[in-house]
Amino acid sequence: EFKIIKLPFKPKNGEKYFTVSDTTISTYNWTNCMYENAYFKLGNCFRTKEEAEANADRIRKEIMG
């Protein structure tokens, strides 16, 4: 029996991605800096704005506690 496991999205260098903050959804181009890697480890990197919006409540609960 096999299971399909969806790996977290990690942008490639220069690729656009979206993140959720306490009040907004922002878009950036990946540069592999310390802050971006923190977003990735928190599961706060999304391919689309719609994916970010769909996960906004979960991310905000993790950020805000």
N, C-alpha and C. Protein backbone atom coordinates (compact mmCIF):
# COMPACT_ATOMS: atom_id res chain seq x y z
N GLU A 1 0.84 -1.17 0.00
CA GLU A 1 0.00 0.00 0.00
C GLU A 1 0.89 1.24 0.00
N PHE A 2 0.53 2.21 -0.81
CA PHE A 2 1.29 3.44 -0.93
C PHE A 2 0.43 4.62 -0.52
N LYS A 3 1.08 5.62 0.04
CA LYS A 3 0.40 6.87 0.39
C LYS A 3 1.11 8.01 -0.30
N ILE A 4 0.34 8.96 -0.77
CA ILE A 4 0.90 10.17 -1.36
C ILE A 4 1.02 11.22 -0.27
N ILE A 5 2.22 11.69 -0.06
CA ILE A 5 2.47 12.71 0.96
C ILE A 5 2.83 14.00 0.24
N LYS A 6 2.06 15.03 0.47
CA LYS A 6 2.31 16.33 -0.15
C LYS A 6 3.41 17.04 0.64
N LEU A 7 4.51 17.32 -0.04
CA LEU A 7 5.62 18.02 0.60
C LEU A 7 5.31 19.51 0.69
N PRO A 8 5.82 20.18 1.72
CA PRO A 8 5.59 21.63 1.83
C PRO A 8 6.23 22.36 0.65
N PHE A 9 5.61 23.42 0.23
CA PHE A 9 6.12 24.23 -0.86
C PHE A 9 7.32 25.04 -0.38
N LYS A 10 8.44 24.88 -1.08
CA LYS A 10 9.61 25.72 -0.82
C LYS A 10 10.00 26.35 -2.14
N PRO A 11 9.87 27.67 -2.23
CA PRO A 11 10.18 28.36 -3.49
C PRO A 11 11.63 28.18 -3.90
N LYS A 12 11.86 28.25 -5.18
CA LYS A 12 13.22 28.25 -5.71
C LYS A 12 13.71 29.69 -5.75
N ASN A 13 15.01 29.87 -5.87
CA ASN A 13 15.59 31.21 -5.87
C ASN A 13 14.95 32.08 -6.95
N GLY A 14 14.42 33.24 -6.54
CA GLY A 14 13.77 34.17 -7.44
C GLY A 14 12.29 33.91 -7.66
N GLU A 15 11.77 32.80 -7.16
CA GLU A 15 10.36 32.44 -7.37
C GLU A 15 9.45 33.24 -6.42
N LYS A 16 8.31 33.66 -6.93
CA LYS A 16 7.33 34.41 -6.14
C LYS A 16 6.62 33.46 -5.17
N TYR A 17 6.35 33.94 -3.96
CA TYR A 17 5.58 33.18 -2.97
C TYR A 17 4.79 34.15 -2.11
N PHE A 18 3.84 33.61 -1.36
CA PHE A 18 2.97 34.41 -0.49
C PHE A 18 3.14 33.97 0.95
N THR A 19 3.04 34.92 1.87
CA THR A 19 3.07 34.63 3.30
C THR A 19 1.93 35.35 4.01
N VAL A 20 1.60 34.85 5.18
CA VAL A 20 0.55 35.43 6.01
C VAL A 20 1.21 36.13 7.19
N SER A 21 0.81 37.37 7.46
CA SER A 21 1.26 38.07 8.67
C SER A 21 0.04 38.27 9.56
N ASP A 22 0.20 39.05 10.61
CA ASP A 22 -0.92 39.24 11.54
C ASP A 22 -2.09 39.98 10.90
N THR A 23 -1.82 40.81 9.86
CA THR A 23 -2.92 41.58 9.27
C THR A 23 -3.04 41.45 7.75
N THR A 24 -2.01 40.98 7.08
CA THR A 24 -2.03 40.97 5.61
C THR A 24 -1.48 39.68 5.03
N ILE A 25 -1.66 39.55 3.73
CA ILE A 25 -0.99 38.52 2.95
C ILE A 25 -0.06 39.25 2.00
N SER A 26 1.21 38.87 2.04
CA SER A 26 2.23 39.57 1.25
C SER A 26 2.85 38.63 0.24
N THR A 27 3.41 39.21 -0.80
CA THR A 27 4.12 38.43 -1.80
C THR A 27 5.56 38.91 -1.89
N TYR A 28 6.46 37.96 -2.07
CA TYR A 28 7.89 38.23 -2.16
C TYR A 28 8.50 37.34 -3.23
N ASN A 29 9.74 37.62 -3.57
CA ASN A 29 10.54 36.74 -4.41
C ASN A 29 11.59 36.10 -3.53
N TRP A 30 11.68 34.78 -3.58
CA TRP A 30 12.55 34.00 -2.70
C TRP A 30 14.02 34.35 -2.93
N THR A 31 14.73 34.63 -1.83
CA THR A 31 16.18 34.89 -1.89
C THR A 31 16.96 33.97 -0.96
N ASN A 32 16.26 33.08 -0.28
CA ASN A 32 16.87 32.09 0.62
C ASN A 32 17.53 32.74 1.84
N CYS A 33 16.96 33.85 2.32
CA CYS A 33 17.52 34.50 3.50
C CYS A 33 16.97 33.84 4.78
N MET A 34 17.49 34.25 5.90
CA MET A 34 17.12 33.68 7.19
C MET A 34 15.61 33.81 7.46
N TYR A 35 15.04 34.97 7.16
CA TYR A 35 13.62 35.19 7.43
C TYR A 35 12.75 34.30 6.56
N GLU A 36 13.13 34.14 5.30
CA GLU A 36 12.35 33.30 4.40
C GLU A 36 12.41 31.84 4.83
N ASN A 37 13.56 31.40 5.30
CA ASN A 37 13.66 30.03 5.78
C ASN A 37 12.83 29.83 7.05
N ALA A 38 12.69 30.87 7.85
CA ALA A 38 11.80 30.80 9.02
C ALA A 38 10.35 30.67 8.57
N TYR A 39 9.94 31.44 7.54
CA TYR A 39 8.59 31.30 6.99
C TYR A 39 8.36 29.86 6.54
N PHE A 40 9.34 29.31 5.83
CA PHE A 40 9.21 27.94 5.33
C PHE A 40 9.06 26.95 6.48
N LYS A 41 9.89 27.06 7.50
CA LYS A 41 9.82 26.13 8.63
C LYS A 41 8.50 26.23 9.38
N LEU A 42 7.88 27.41 9.36
CA LEU A 42 6.57 27.59 9.99
C LEU A 42 5.42 27.15 9.09
N GLY A 43 5.74 26.76 7.86
CA GLY A 43 4.68 26.39 6.92
C GLY A 43 3.97 27.60 6.37
N ASN A 44 4.67 28.71 6.28
CA ASN A 44 4.07 29.98 5.88
C ASN A 44 4.59 30.45 4.52
N CYS A 45 4.73 29.51 3.58
CA CYS A 45 5.09 29.81 2.18
C CYS A 45 4.04 29.16 1.30
N PHE A 46 3.41 29.94 0.45
CA PHE A 46 2.33 29.43 -0.39
C PHE A 46 2.54 29.84 -1.84
N ARG A 47 2.12 28.96 -2.74
CA ARG A 47 2.26 29.22 -4.18
C ARG A 47 1.35 30.34 -4.65
N THR A 48 0.16 30.43 -4.07
CA THR A 48 -0.83 31.40 -4.53
C THR A 48 -1.41 32.19 -3.36
N LYS A 49 -2.00 33.33 -3.69
CA LYS A 49 -2.67 34.13 -2.67
C LYS A 49 -3.86 33.36 -2.10
N GLU A 50 -4.53 32.58 -2.94
CA GLU A 50 -5.69 31.80 -2.49
C GLU A 50 -5.27 30.75 -1.46
N GLU A 51 -4.12 30.10 -1.67
CA GLU A 51 -3.62 29.12 -0.69
C GLU A 51 -3.29 29.82 0.63
N ALA A 52 -2.68 31.00 0.54
CA ALA A 52 -2.36 31.76 1.75
C ALA A 52 -3.63 32.15 2.50
N GLU A 53 -4.64 32.61 1.76
CA GLU A 53 -5.90 32.99 2.40
C GLU A 53 -6.57 31.79 3.06
N ALA A 54 -6.50 30.63 2.42
CA ALA A 54 -7.13 29.42 2.97
C ALA A 54 -6.44 28.96 4.26
N ASN A 55 -5.17 29.32 4.43
CA ASN A 55 -4.41 28.91 5.62
C ASN A 55 -4.18 30.04 6.61
N ALA A 56 -4.75 31.21 6.34
CA ALA A 56 -4.48 32.40 7.15
C ALA A 56 -4.85 32.22 8.62
N ASP A 57 -6.00 31.66 8.90
CA ASP A 57 -6.42 31.50 10.30
C ASP A 57 -5.44 30.61 11.06
N ARG A 58 -5.03 29.51 10.46
CA ARG A 58 -4.10 28.57 11.10
C ARG A 58 -2.76 29.26 11.36
N ILE A 59 -2.24 29.95 10.37
CA ILE A 59 -0.94 30.62 10.52
C ILE A 59 -1.03 31.71 11.59
N ARG A 60 -2.09 32.49 11.56
CA ARG A 60 -2.23 33.58 12.55
C ARG A 60 -2.33 33.03 13.97
N LYS A 61 -2.99 31.90 14.16
CA LYS A 61 -3.05 31.29 15.49
C LYS A 61 -1.67 30.87 15.94
N GLU A 62 -0.85 30.34 15.03
CA GLU A 62 0.51 29.93 15.37
C GLU A 62 1.38 31.15 15.68
N ILE A 63 1.23 32.21 14.90
CA ILE A 63 2.04 33.42 15.09
C ILE A 63 1.64 34.14 16.37
N MET A 64 0.34 34.33 16.54
CA MET A 64 -0.16 35.14 17.65
C MET A 64 -0.32 34.36 18.96
N GLY A 65 -0.35 33.04 18.85
CA GLY A 65 -0.49 32.21 20.05
C GLY A 65 -1.85 31.99 20.52
